[in-house]
Amino acid sequence: MTRHRLGGMVGGAAALVALCGVSRADISYEVFTLVATVGGESGSFVATTDMGTWDDQGNFFWNLDAPIDIKTQSGDVLATLGTASVTFIADPVIHLNFNVQANNQNTVFSVGSGLLSFPTLFNAKGAASAAVSITDVNGNGVTFTPDAAGAHLSHYNGEVPGGTPFASLLNSGFSAGAFATDTASDEFPGGGGYAPIGVGVDDMSARWSFTLTAFDLASGTSVYTIIPAPGSLALLGLGGLVASRRRR
């Protein structure tokens, strides 16, 4: 997998990284992928690193310039990607956002970030949150049905569906009536806290997967964060870095 190196060190653990001589954070060449599937036929859109920008801290940003139709190889329109963005923060954090519309049949969507890799964080902790809004367009109601594993997956040490699962969010479907809008949200572990991972972590990724009823709209946003446990820094006499580490 081709990767692009982010310019910044991993957050407040930068001194730890420097002492260990570990390379800086990288991102995969493909940073955003959408696949729409209808009746066994699929179409896709992929954004790559050369389509985005970096700030002076080495963080990466990509935004969709204009809506695009997702088509089969024969040119049939399956869905529309209205807006989309992905942000990779070297701390590390992944922000993933999208707005999609199904065409004339129920549509299965898969929306994924690329892989964010970074110097190994030992005894790491993480947090994930996701929210989705659905809108009925044609007056017969709208239904959002998550994939069997959950509508939003966050994994580490491998790109979804590979690697190790961290959190599965929005596991229940929901609906809205004629020309109505409804929303749902989920988070892990919740309450603004972080859940221990307990092992060394060196990469992370996120993916949405769900079915949306014909002609209807869905907008999703998610944030996935991993931080080092204080004990792993303290072992190297760097525990004071934890207090100054930015929490996003």
C-alpha atoms as a PDB file:
ATOM      1  CA  MET A   1       0.000   0.000   0.000  1.00  0.00           C
ATOM      2  CA  THR A   2       1.375   3.426  -0.980  1.00  0.00           C
ATOM      3  CA  ARG A   3       1.537   5.921   1.870  1.00  0.00           C
ATOM      4  CA  HIS A   4       2.258   9.624   2.269  1.00  0.00           C
ATOM      5  CA  ARG A   5       4.179  10.782   5.291  1.00  0.00           C
ATOM      6  CA  LEU A   6       2.527  13.367   7.527  1.00  0.00           C
ATOM      7  CA  GLY A   7       4.787  16.169   8.624  1.00  0.00           C
ATOM      8  CA  GLY A   8       3.901  16.259  12.317  1.00  0.00           C
ATOM      9  CA  MET A   9       4.893  13.969  15.141  1.00  0.00           C
ATOM     10  CA  VAL A  10       2.220  12.167  17.101  1.00  0.00           C
ATOM     11  CA  GLY A  11       0.831  14.827  19.418  1.00  0.00           C
ATOM     12  CA  GLY A  12       2.306  15.219  22.900  1.00  0.00           C
ATOM     13  CA  ALA A  13       4.204  11.981  22.470  1.00  0.00           C
ATOM     14  CA  ALA A  14       6.604  13.729  20.072  1.00  0.00           C
ATOM     15  CA  ALA A  15       9.487  13.580  22.544  1.00  0.00           C
ATOM     16  CA  LEU A  16       8.909   9.873  23.007  1.00  0.00           C
ATOM     17  CA  VAL A  17       8.967   9.405  19.247  1.00  0.00           C
ATOM     18  CA  ALA A  18      12.194  11.383  18.938  1.00  0.00           C
ATOM     19  CA  LEU A  19      13.885   9.358  21.657  1.00  0.00           C
ATOM     20  CA  CYS A  20      12.871   6.101  20.045  1.00  0.00           C
ATOM     21  CA  GLY A  21      13.882   7.252  16.560  1.00  0.00           C
ATOM     22  CA  VAL A  22      10.561   6.155  15.045  1.00  0.00           C
ATOM     23  CA  SER A  23       9.350   7.609  11.743  1.00  0.00           C
ATOM     24  CA  ARG A  24       6.538  10.107  11.555  1.00  0.00           C
ATOM     25  CA  ALA A  25       2.887   9.368  10.785  1.00  0.00           C
ATOM     26  CA  ASP A  26       1.882   8.170   7.299  1.00  0.00           C
ATOM     27  CA  ILE A  27      -1.400   7.933   5.405  1.00  0.00           C
ATOM     28  CA  SER A  28      -2.368   5.519   2.652  1.00  0.00           C
ATOM     29  CA  TYR A  29      -2.524   6.849  -0.919  1.00  0.00           C
ATOM     30  CA  GLU A  30      -6.291   6.236  -1.059  1.00  0.00           C
ATOM     31  CA  VAL A  31      -7.730   8.488   1.644  1.00  0.00           C
ATOM     32  CA  PHE A  32     -11.480   8.191   0.984  1.00  0.00           C
ATOM     33  CA  THR A  33     -13.450   5.435  -0.757  1.00  0.00           C
ATOM     34  CA  LEU A  34     -17.167   5.168  -1.506  1.00  0.00           C
ATOM     35  CA  VAL A  35     -18.779   2.073  -3.024  1.00  0.00           C
ATOM     36  CA  ALA A  36     -22.485   1.976  -3.949  1.00  0.00           C
ATOM     37  CA  THR A  37     -24.095  -1.395  -4.719  1.00  0.00           C
ATOM     38  CA  VAL A  38     -27.536  -2.028  -6.225  1.00  0.00           C
ATOM     39  CA  GLY A  39     -28.742  -5.490  -7.216  1.00  0.00           C
ATOM     40  CA  GLY A  40     -25.248  -6.905  -7.470  1.00  0.00           C
ATOM     41  CA  GLU A  41     -23.861  -4.019  -9.555  1.00  0.00           C
ATOM     42  CA  SER A  42     -21.388  -1.602  -7.985  1.00  0.00           C
ATOM     43  CA  GLY A  43     -19.781   1.755  -8.679  1.00  0.00           C
ATOM     44  CA  SER A  44     -17.118   3.587  -6.714  1.00  0.00           C
ATOM     45  CA  PHE A  45     -15.271   6.827  -6.095  1.00  0.00           C
ATOM     46  CA  VAL A  46     -11.781   7.112  -4.629  1.00  0.00           C
ATOM     47  CA  ALA A  47      -9.969  10.216  -3.382  1.00  0.00           C
ATOM     48  CA  THR A  48      -6.176  10.106  -3.119  1.00  0.00           C
ATOM     49  CA  THR A  49      -3.494  12.089  -1.335  1.00  0.00           C
ATOM     50  CA  ASP A  50      -2.726  14.194  -4.398  1.00  0.00           C
ATOM     51  CA  MET A  51      -6.322  15.519  -4.281  1.00  0.00           C
ATOM     52  CA  GLY A  52      -5.957  16.966  -0.760  1.00  0.00           C
ATOM     53  CA  THR A  53      -3.838  19.473   1.154  1.00  0.00           C
ATOM     54  CA  TRP A  54      -1.589  19.588   4.209  1.00  0.00           C
ATOM     55  CA  ASP A  55      -1.284  22.326   6.801  1.00  0.00           C
ATOM     56  CA  ASP A  56       1.985  23.533   8.318  1.00  0.00           C
ATOM     57  CA  GLN A  57       1.626  20.968  11.125  1.00  0.00           C
ATOM     58  CA  GLY A  58       1.513  18.103   8.652  1.00  0.00           C
ATOM     59  CA  ASN A  59      -2.195  17.293   8.995  1.00  0.00           C
ATOM     60  CA  PHE A  60      -4.080  16.196   5.859  1.00  0.00           C
ATOM     61  CA  PHE A  61      -7.419  17.518   4.551  1.00  0.00           C
ATOM     62  CA  TRP A  62      -9.538  16.447   1.601  1.00  0.00           C
ATOM     63  CA  ASN A  63     -12.964  17.835   0.573  1.00  0.00           C
ATOM     64  CA  LEU A  64     -15.123  16.894  -2.400  1.00  0.00           C
ATOM     65  CA  ASP A  65     -15.196  19.841  -4.815  1.00  0.00           C
ATOM     66  CA  ALA A  66     -18.631  19.141  -6.344  1.00  0.00           C
ATOM     67  CA  PRO A  67     -21.326  16.426  -6.265  1.00  0.00           C
ATOM     68  CA  ILE A  68     -20.589  13.370  -8.395  1.00  0.00           C
ATOM     69  CA  ASP A  69     -22.704  10.489  -9.678  1.00  0.00           C
ATOM     70  CA  ILE A  70     -21.587   6.986  -8.745  1.00  0.00           C
ATOM     71  CA  LYS A  71     -21.911   4.835 -11.866  1.00  0.00           C
ATOM     72  CA  THR A  72     -21.477   1.248 -12.992  1.00  0.00           C
ATOM     73  CA  GLN A  73     -18.901   0.461 -15.665  1.00  0.00           C
ATOM     74  CA  SER A  74     -21.715   0.621 -18.223  1.00  0.00           C
ATOM     75  CA  GLY A  75     -22.628   4.153 -17.103  1.00  0.00           C
ATOM     76  CA  ASP A  76     -25.783   3.478 -15.067  1.00  0.00           C
ATOM     77  CA  VAL A  77     -26.150   5.899 -12.147  1.00  0.00           C
ATOM     78  CA  LEU A  78     -26.423   4.071  -8.819  1.00  0.00           C
ATOM     79  CA  ALA A  79     -26.190   6.965  -6.368  1.00  0.00           C
ATOM     80  CA  THR A  80     -24.911  10.501  -5.842  1.00  0.00           C
ATOM     81  CA  LEU A  81     -22.131  11.615  -3.516  1.00  0.00           C
ATOM     82  CA  GLY A  82     -23.169  15.154  -2.602  1.00  0.00           C
ATOM     83  CA  THR A  83     -20.484  16.172  -0.126  1.00  0.00           C
ATOM     84  CA  ALA A  84     -17.567  14.360   1.476  1.00  0.00           C
ATOM     85  CA  SER A  85     -14.432  15.057   3.479  1.00  0.00           C
ATOM     86  CA  VAL A  86     -11.753  13.279   5.453  1.00  0.00           C
ATOM     87  CA  THR A  87      -9.191  14.723   7.859  1.00  0.00           C
ATOM     88  CA  PHE A  88      -6.160  12.893   9.220  1.00  0.00           C
ATOM     89  CA  ILE A  89      -4.627  14.478  12.317  1.00  0.00           C
ATOM     90  CA  ALA A  90      -1.191  13.128  13.190  1.00  0.00           C
ATOM     91  CA  ASP A  91      -2.092  12.975  16.903  1.00  0.00           C
ATOM     92  CA  PRO A  92      -3.757  10.517  15.669  1.00  0.00           C
ATOM     93  CA  VAL A  93      -7.389  11.326  14.783  1.00  0.00           C
ATOM     94  CA  ILE A  94      -9.598  10.495  11.766  1.00  0.00           C
ATOM     95  CA  HIS A  95     -12.618  12.679  10.892  1.00  0.00           C
ATOM     96  CA  LEU A  96     -14.884  11.213   8.178  1.00  0.00           C
ATOM     97  CA  ASN A  97     -17.929  12.962   6.669  1.00  0.00           C
ATOM     98  CA  PHE A  98     -20.300  12.305   3.732  1.00  0.00           C
ATOM     99  CA  ASN A  99     -23.702  13.004   2.182  1.00  0.00           C
ATOM    100  CA  VAL A 100     -25.198  10.439  -0.224  1.00  0.00           C
ATOM    101  CA  GLN A 101     -28.438   9.944  -2.144  1.00  0.00           C
ATOM    102  CA  ALA A 102     -29.710   6.620  -3.429  1.00  0.00           C
ATOM    103  CA  ASN A 103     -31.074   6.430  -6.964  1.00  0.00           C
ATOM    104  CA  ASN A 104     -34.224   4.467  -7.867  1.00  0.00           C
ATOM    105  CA  GLN A 105     -33.529   1.358  -5.762  1.00  0.00           C
ATOM    106  CA  ASN A 106     -32.441   0.563  -2.225  1.00  0.00           C
ATOM    107  CA  THR A 107     -28.677   1.044  -2.174  1.00  0.00           C
ATOM    108  CA  VAL A 108     -25.864  -0.426  -0.083  1.00  0.00           C
ATOM    109  CA  PHE A 109     -23.176   2.141   0.726  1.00  0.00           C
ATOM    110  CA  SER A 110     -19.650   1.611   2.014  1.00  0.00           C
ATOM    111  CA  VAL A 111     -17.740   4.769   2.951  1.00  0.00           C
ATOM    112  CA  GLY A 112     -14.212   4.369   4.264  1.00  0.00           C
ATOM    113  CA  SER A 113     -11.209   6.365   5.333  1.00  0.00           C
ATOM    114  CA  GLY A 114      -7.740   5.365   4.314  1.00  0.00           C
ATOM    115  CA  LEU A 115      -5.215   4.024   6.807  1.00  0.00           C
ATOM    116  CA  LEU A 116      -3.454   6.379   9.222  1.00  0.00           C
ATOM    117  CA  SER A 117      -0.147   4.914  10.462  1.00  0.00           C
ATOM    118  CA  PHE A 118       2.018   6.322  13.248  1.00  0.00           C
ATOM    119  CA  PRO A 119       4.806   5.421  15.678  1.00  0.00           C
ATOM    120  CA  THR A 120       3.600   2.673  17.988  1.00  0.00           C
ATOM    121  CA  LEU A 121       1.511   3.856  20.933  1.00  0.00           C
ATOM    122  CA  PHE A 122       1.827   1.352  23.777  1.00  0.00           C
ATOM    123  CA  ASN A 123      -1.109   0.574  26.095  1.00  0.00           C
ATOM    124  CA  ALA A 124      -3.157   2.942  23.978  1.00  0.00           C
ATOM    125  CA  LYS A 125      -6.687   4.178  24.617  1.00  0.00           C
ATOM    126  CA  GLY A 126      -9.338   5.203  22.126  1.00  0.00           C
ATOM    127  CA  ALA A 127     -12.712   6.833  21.579  1.00  0.00           C
ATOM    128  CA  ALA A 128     -15.127   6.821  18.632  1.00  0.00           C
ATOM    129  CA  SER A 129     -18.353   8.662  17.863  1.00  0.00           C
ATOM    130  CA  ALA A 130     -20.703   8.692  14.870  1.00  0.00           C
ATOM    131  CA  ALA A 131     -23.923  10.451  13.895  1.00  0.00           C
ATOM    132  CA  VAL A 132     -26.196  10.074  10.869  1.00  0.00           C
ATOM    133  CA  SER A 133     -29.164  12.038   9.513  1.00  0.00           C
ATOM    134  CA  ILE A 134     -31.682  10.589   7.032  1.00  0.00           C
ATOM    135  CA  THR A 135     -34.274  12.422   4.906  1.00  0.00           C
ATOM    136  CA  ASP A 136     -37.181  11.094   2.824  1.00  0.00           C
ATOM    137  CA  VAL A 137     -37.296  12.670  -0.634  1.00  0.00           C
ATOM    138  CA  ASN A 138     -40.177  10.967  -2.470  1.00  0.00           C
ATOM    139  CA  GLY A 139     -42.912  10.824   0.164  1.00  0.00           C
ATOM    140  CA  ASN A 140     -42.876   7.123   1.047  1.00  0.00           C
ATOM    141  CA  GLY A 141     -40.593   7.248   4.083  1.00  0.00           C
ATOM    142  CA  VAL A 142     -36.889   6.574   4.532  1.00  0.00           C
ATOM    143  CA  THR A 143     -35.095   3.709   6.278  1.00  0.00           C
ATOM    144  CA  PHE A 144     -31.446   3.393   7.292  1.00  0.00           C
ATOM    145  CA  THR A 145     -30.282  -0.198   7.854  1.00  0.00           C
ATOM    146  CA  PRO A 146     -26.778  -0.818   9.264  1.00  0.00           C
ATOM    147  CA  ASP A 147     -24.481  -3.586   8.092  1.00  0.00           C
ATOM    148  CA  ALA A 148     -24.608  -6.686  10.274  1.00  0.00           C
ATOM    149  CA  ALA A 149     -21.359  -5.624  11.970  1.00  0.00           C
ATOM    150  CA  GLY A 150     -22.625  -2.077  12.591  1.00  0.00           C
ATOM    151  CA  ALA A 151     -23.053   1.064  10.504  1.00  0.00           C
ATOM    152  CA  HIS A 152     -19.735   2.533  11.689  1.00  0.00           C
ATOM    153  CA  LEU A 153     -16.632   0.481  12.409  1.00  0.00           C
ATOM    154  CA  SER A 154     -13.327   1.709  13.813  1.00  0.00           C
ATOM    155  CA  HIS A 155     -10.339  -0.660  13.681  1.00  0.00           C
ATOM    156  CA  TYR A 156      -6.668  -0.557  14.620  1.00  0.00           C
ATOM    157  CA  ASN A 157      -3.577  -2.480  13.458  1.00  0.00           C
ATOM    158  CA  GLY A 158      -5.127  -3.051  10.040  1.00  0.00           C
ATOM    159  CA  GLU A 159      -7.527  -1.348   7.647  1.00  0.00           C
ATOM    160  CA  VAL A 160     -11.251  -2.134   7.969  1.00  0.00           C
ATOM    161  CA  PRO A 161     -12.419  -4.881   7.433  1.00  0.00           C
ATOM    162  CA  GLY A 162      -8.982  -6.150   8.464  1.00  0.00           C
ATOM    163  CA  GLY A 163      -7.182  -5.428  11.692  1.00  0.00           C
ATOM    164  CA  THR A 164      -8.691  -5.469  15.172  1.00  0.00           C
ATOM    165  CA  PRO A 165     -12.130  -3.985  15.923  1.00  0.00           C
ATOM    166  CA  PHE A 166     -12.199  -1.111  18.385  1.00  0.00           C
ATOM    167  CA  ALA A 167     -15.845  -0.007  18.264  1.00  0.00           C
ATOM    168  CA  SER A 168     -19.014  -0.887  16.355  1.00  0.00           C
ATOM    169  CA  LEU A 169     -21.502   2.000  16.392  1.00  0.00           C
ATOM    170  CA  LEU A 170     -25.094   2.556  15.243  1.00  0.00           C
ATOM    171  CA  ASN A 171     -26.078  -1.090  15.303  1.00  0.00           C
ATOM    172  CA  SER A 172     -29.840  -0.486  15.018  1.00  0.00           C
ATOM    173  CA  GLY A 173     -31.749   0.738  11.982  1.00  0.00           C
ATOM    174  CA  PHE A 174     -34.223   3.605  12.080  1.00  0.00           C
ATOM    175  CA  SER A 175     -36.786   5.314   9.848  1.00  0.00           C
ATOM    176  CA  ALA A 176     -38.523   8.618   9.184  1.00  0.00           C
ATOM    177  CA  GLY A 177     -41.926   9.299   7.649  1.00  0.00           C
ATOM    178  CA  ALA A 178     -42.970  11.050   4.438  1.00  0.00           C
ATOM    179  CA  PHE A 179     -40.729  14.048   3.675  1.00  0.00           C
ATOM    180  CA  ALA A 180     -39.356  13.843   7.209  1.00  0.00           C
ATOM    181  CA  THR A 181     -35.837  13.818   8.677  1.00  0.00           C
ATOM    182  CA  ASP A 182     -34.498  11.878  11.640  1.00  0.00           C
ATOM    183  CA  THR A 183     -31.092  11.475  13.258  1.00  0.00           C
ATOM    184  CA  ALA A 184     -29.213   8.923  15.331  1.00  0.00           C
ATOM    185  CA  SER A 185     -25.871   9.018  17.122  1.00  0.00           C
ATOM    186  CA  ASP A 186     -23.634   6.676  19.081  1.00  0.00           C
ATOM    187  CA  GLU A 187     -20.276   6.757  20.859  1.00  0.00           C
ATOM    188  CA  PHE A 188     -17.816   4.497  22.627  1.00  0.00           C
ATOM    189  CA  PRO A 189     -16.998   4.399  25.476  1.00  0.00           C
ATOM    190  CA  GLY A 190     -19.141   7.518  25.998  1.00  0.00           C
ATOM    191  CA  GLY A 191     -19.134  10.375  28.454  1.00  0.00           C
ATOM    192  CA  GLY A 192     -16.050  11.959  26.934  1.00  0.00           C
ATOM    193  CA  GLY A 193     -13.835   9.127  28.154  1.00  0.00           C
ATOM    194  CA  TYR A 194     -11.379   6.751  26.503  1.00  0.00           C
ATOM    195  CA  ALA A 195     -11.437   2.946  26.492  1.00  0.00           C
ATOM    196  CA  PRO A 196      -8.175   1.055  27.060  1.00  0.00           C
ATOM    197  CA  ILE A 197      -6.876  -0.909  24.083  1.00  0.00           C
ATOM    198  CA  GLY A 198      -4.125  -2.550  26.072  1.00  0.00           C
ATOM    199  CA  VAL A 199      -1.710  -3.313  23.232  1.00  0.00           C
ATOM    200  CA  GLY A 200       0.678  -1.409  21.023  1.00  0.00           C
ATOM    201  CA  VAL A 201      -1.161   0.345  18.190  1.00  0.00           C
ATOM    202  CA  ASP A 202       0.473   1.624  15.010  1.00  0.00           C
ATOM    203  CA  ASP A 203      -2.390   2.363  12.620  1.00  0.00           C
ATOM    204  CA  MET A 204      -6.147   3.037  12.485  1.00  0.00           C
ATOM    205  CA  SER A 205      -9.043   3.349  10.025  1.00  0.00           C
ATOM    206  CA  ALA A 206     -12.823   3.834   9.938  1.00  0.00           C
ATOM    207  CA  ARG A 207     -15.657   2.709   7.680  1.00  0.00           C
ATOM    208  CA  TRP A 208     -19.422   3.224   7.310  1.00  0.00           C
ATOM    209  CA  SER A 209     -21.594   0.466   5.800  1.00  0.00           C
ATOM    210  CA  PHE A 210     -25.404   0.646   5.488  1.00  0.00           C
ATOM    211  CA  THR A 211     -28.427   0.331   3.204  1.00  0.00           C
ATOM    212  CA  LEU A 212     -30.541   3.367   2.288  1.00  0.00           C
ATOM    213  CA  THR A 213     -33.993   3.307   0.684  1.00  0.00           C
ATOM    214  CA  ALA A 214     -34.516   4.479  -2.914  1.00  0.00           C
ATOM    215  CA  PHE A 215     -34.171   8.208  -3.727  1.00  0.00           C
ATOM    216  CA  ASP A 216     -33.466   9.115  -0.091  1.00  0.00           C
ATOM    217  CA  LEU A 217     -30.621  11.027   1.571  1.00  0.00           C
ATOM    218  CA  ALA A 218     -28.179  10.138   4.350  1.00  0.00           C
ATOM    219  CA  SER A 219     -25.485  12.324   5.935  1.00  0.00           C
ATOM    220  CA  GLY A 220     -22.886  10.889   8.295  1.00  0.00           C
ATOM    221  CA  THR A 221     -20.043  12.231  10.391  1.00  0.00           C
ATOM    222  CA  SER A 222     -17.591  10.395  12.645  1.00  0.00           C
ATOM    223  CA  VAL A 223     -14.477  10.926  14.755  1.00  0.00           C
ATOM    224  CA  TYR A 224     -12.010   8.222  15.823  1.00  0.00           C
ATOM    225  CA  THR A 225      -9.196   9.079  18.260  1.00  0.00           C
ATOM    226  CA  ILE A 226      -6.358   7.069  19.791  1.00  0.00           C
ATOM    227  CA  ILE A 227      -4.076   8.332  22.566  1.00  0.00           C
ATOM    228  CA  PRO A 228      -1.150   6.813  24.497  1.00  0.00           C
ATOM    229  CA  ALA A 229      -1.783   5.654  28.058  1.00  0.00           C
ATOM    230  CA  PRO A 230       0.008   7.824  30.653  1.00  0.00           C
ATOM    231  CA  GLY A 231       1.840   4.796  32.039  1.00  0.00           C
ATOM    232  CA  SER A 232       3.619   4.104  28.754  1.00  0.00           C
ATOM    233  CA  LEU A 233       5.131   7.585  28.781  1.00  0.00           C
ATOM    234  CA  ALA A 234       5.913   7.551  32.471  1.00  0.00           C
ATOM    235  CA  LEU A 235       8.001   4.420  32.032  1.00  0.00           C
ATOM    236  CA  LEU A 236      10.408   6.517  29.969  1.00  0.00           C
ATOM    237  CA  GLY A 237      10.297   9.448  32.366  1.00  0.00           C
ATOM    238  CA  LEU A 238       8.007  11.395  30.057  1.00  0.00           C
ATOM    239  CA  GLY A 239       4.810  11.352  32.093  1.00  0.00           C
ATOM    240  CA  GLY A 240       4.716  15.148  32.185  1.00  0.00           C
ATOM    241  CA  LEU A 241       3.977  15.201  28.465  1.00  0.00           C
ATOM    242  CA  VAL A 242       0.544  13.775  29.105  1.00  0.00           C
ATOM    243  CA  ALA A 243      -0.730  16.893  30.820  1.00  0.00           C
ATOM    244  CA  SER A 244       0.125  19.027  27.805  1.00  0.00           C
ATOM    245  CA  ARG A 245      -1.200  16.635  25.173  1.00  0.00           C
ATOM    246  CA  ARG A 246      -3.975  18.074  23.068  1.00  0.00           C
ATOM    247  CA  ARG A 247      -7.288  16.268  23.436  1.00  0.00           C
ATOM    248  CA  ARG A 248      -9.379  16.481  20.295  1.00  0.00           C
END
